[in-house]
Amino acid sequence: MVRKIAAPKEAYQCEKCGNTYPVMEEALRCESSPVTPFEYEIGDTVSFGMVIRGAHSPIVLKGMVERRWINGLSRDDDKPTHGNVYKVRTVGTNKGLIACRFEDDIIGKV
């Protein structure tokens, strides 16, 4: 049987990151926060720390940047800011593991 679903609600979208908000003021607040250029390119090999289940402390992994985007969700409730995020596929001993990391969580280019 086909179910009836609620019609989409009106929302406002930040043109920098694409996030939508139910209130225009929230979207304007997001849109007014700065965007920084990406530090890493798609195809770059980078290193980053990660806690893996069973490990006692974070380990450093290497991976290749597969995708990047701007995230408009705040990591600090007091400072809504856009953050550069990277999808990284690991190489080497943990080959194939996928991690999404903010730019400031990446140690550097290898």
Protein backbone atom coordinates (compact mmCIF):
# COMPACT_ATOMS: atom_id res chain seq x y z
CA MET A 1 0.00 0.00 0.00
CA VAL A 2 1.32 3.47 -0.84
CA ARG A 3 1.87 5.76 2.17
CA LYS A 4 1.18 9.43 2.17
CA ILE A 5 4.16 11.51 3.25
CA ALA A 6 4.29 15.09 4.41
CA ALA A 7 5.12 17.65 1.76
CA PRO A 8 8.61 19.15 2.01
CA LYS A 9 8.79 22.12 4.35
CA GLU A 10 10.04 25.53 3.30
CA ALA A 11 13.71 26.00 4.12
CA TYR A 12 16.58 28.41 3.50
CA GLN A 13 19.91 27.31 2.06
CA CYS A 14 23.42 28.65 2.62
CA GLU A 15 24.93 29.18 -0.82
CA LYS A 16 28.46 28.46 0.47
CA CYS A 17 27.96 24.98 1.94
CA GLY A 18 24.48 23.92 0.84
CA ASN A 19 23.11 23.33 4.36
CA THR A 20 19.44 24.10 4.77
CA TYR A 21 17.82 25.78 7.76
CA PRO A 22 14.18 26.19 8.75
CA VAL A 23 14.72 29.87 9.66
CA MET A 24 16.21 32.49 7.32
CA GLU A 25 18.30 34.05 10.10
CA GLU A 26 20.14 30.75 10.67
CA ALA A 27 20.91 30.44 6.95
CA LEU A 28 22.13 34.06 6.83
CA ARG A 29 24.33 33.43 9.89
CA CYS A 30 25.85 30.38 8.20
CA GLU A 31 26.33 32.21 4.92
CA SER A 32 28.07 35.11 6.65
CA SER A 33 30.74 32.84 8.15
CA PRO A 34 34.03 32.66 6.20
CA VAL A 35 35.18 29.91 3.87
CA THR A 36 38.89 29.15 3.51
CA PRO A 37 40.52 27.67 0.40
CA PHE A 38 41.18 23.93 0.44
CA GLU A 39 44.72 23.07 1.52
CA TYR A 40 44.73 19.58 -0.09
CA GLU A 41 43.80 18.51 -3.61
CA ILE A 42 41.95 15.38 -4.71
CA GLY A 43 44.64 12.73 -5.25
CA ASP A 44 47.00 14.09 -2.58
CA THR A 45 48.38 11.56 -0.09
CA VAL A 46 48.02 12.83 3.48
CA SER A 47 48.63 11.54 6.99
CA PHE A 48 46.14 11.76 9.85
CA GLY A 49 45.58 10.32 13.30
CA MET A 50 42.77 7.89 14.02
CA VAL A 51 41.66 5.68 16.87
CA ILE A 52 41.02 2.15 15.63
CA ARG A 53 38.98 -0.32 17.65
CA GLY A 54 41.25 -2.45 19.77
CA ALA A 55 44.13 0.01 19.65
CA HIS A 56 45.20 1.63 22.91
CA SER A 57 46.12 4.98 21.41
CA PRO A 58 45.63 6.86 18.15
CA ILE A 59 47.70 5.69 15.22
CA VAL A 60 48.90 7.68 12.23
CA LEU A 61 47.53 6.53 8.88
CA LYS A 62 48.27 7.55 5.31
CA GLY A 63 45.55 7.95 2.73
CA MET A 64 44.59 9.50 -0.57
CA VAL A 65 42.08 12.35 -0.74
CA GLU A 66 39.10 11.13 -2.79
CA ARG A 67 36.61 13.92 -2.21
CA ARG A 68 36.37 17.26 -0.43
CA TRP A 69 33.54 19.58 0.54
CA ILE A 70 32.61 22.48 2.78
CA ASN A 71 30.77 21.54 5.95
CA GLY A 72 28.53 24.19 7.44
CA LEU A 73 27.73 22.39 10.66
CA SER A 74 29.39 24.00 13.64
CA ARG A 75 31.96 22.05 15.63
CA ASP A 76 31.71 24.69 18.37
CA ASP A 77 28.26 25.92 19.35
CA ASP A 78 29.56 29.43 19.96
CA LYS A 79 31.27 29.81 16.58
CA PRO A 80 29.34 28.66 13.54
CA THR A 81 31.99 28.33 10.88
CA HIS A 82 32.49 26.50 7.65
CA GLY A 83 35.08 23.73 7.69
CA ASN A 84 36.88 21.97 4.87
CA VAL A 85 36.26 18.22 5.04
CA TYR A 86 38.08 15.47 3.17
CA LYS A 87 37.12 11.89 2.39
CA VAL A 88 40.36 9.91 2.63
CA ARG A 89 40.87 6.24 1.63
CA THR A 90 43.79 4.73 3.49
CA VAL A 91 46.74 3.09 1.79
CA GLY A 92 49.30 0.63 3.15
CA THR A 93 48.57 -1.76 6.02
CA ASN A 94 45.00 -0.51 6.57
CA LYS A 95 44.23 -0.24 2.85
CA GLY A 96 40.65 0.59 1.98
CA LEU A 97 39.56 2.16 5.27
CA ILE A 98 37.59 5.35 4.60
CA ALA A 99 37.78 8.33 6.93
CA CYS A 100 36.21 11.78 6.77
CA ARG A 101 38.44 14.38 8.41
CA PHE A 102 38.30 18.13 8.91
CA GLU A 103 41.30 19.93 7.43
CA ASP A 104 42.74 20.79 10.84
CA ASP A 105 42.64 17.07 11.78
CA ILE A 106 45.00 16.19 8.93
CA ILE A 107 48.67 16.15 9.95
CA GLY A 108 50.00 17.02 6.52
CA LYS A 109 50.82 16.01 2.97
CA VAL A 110 53.06 12.98 2.53
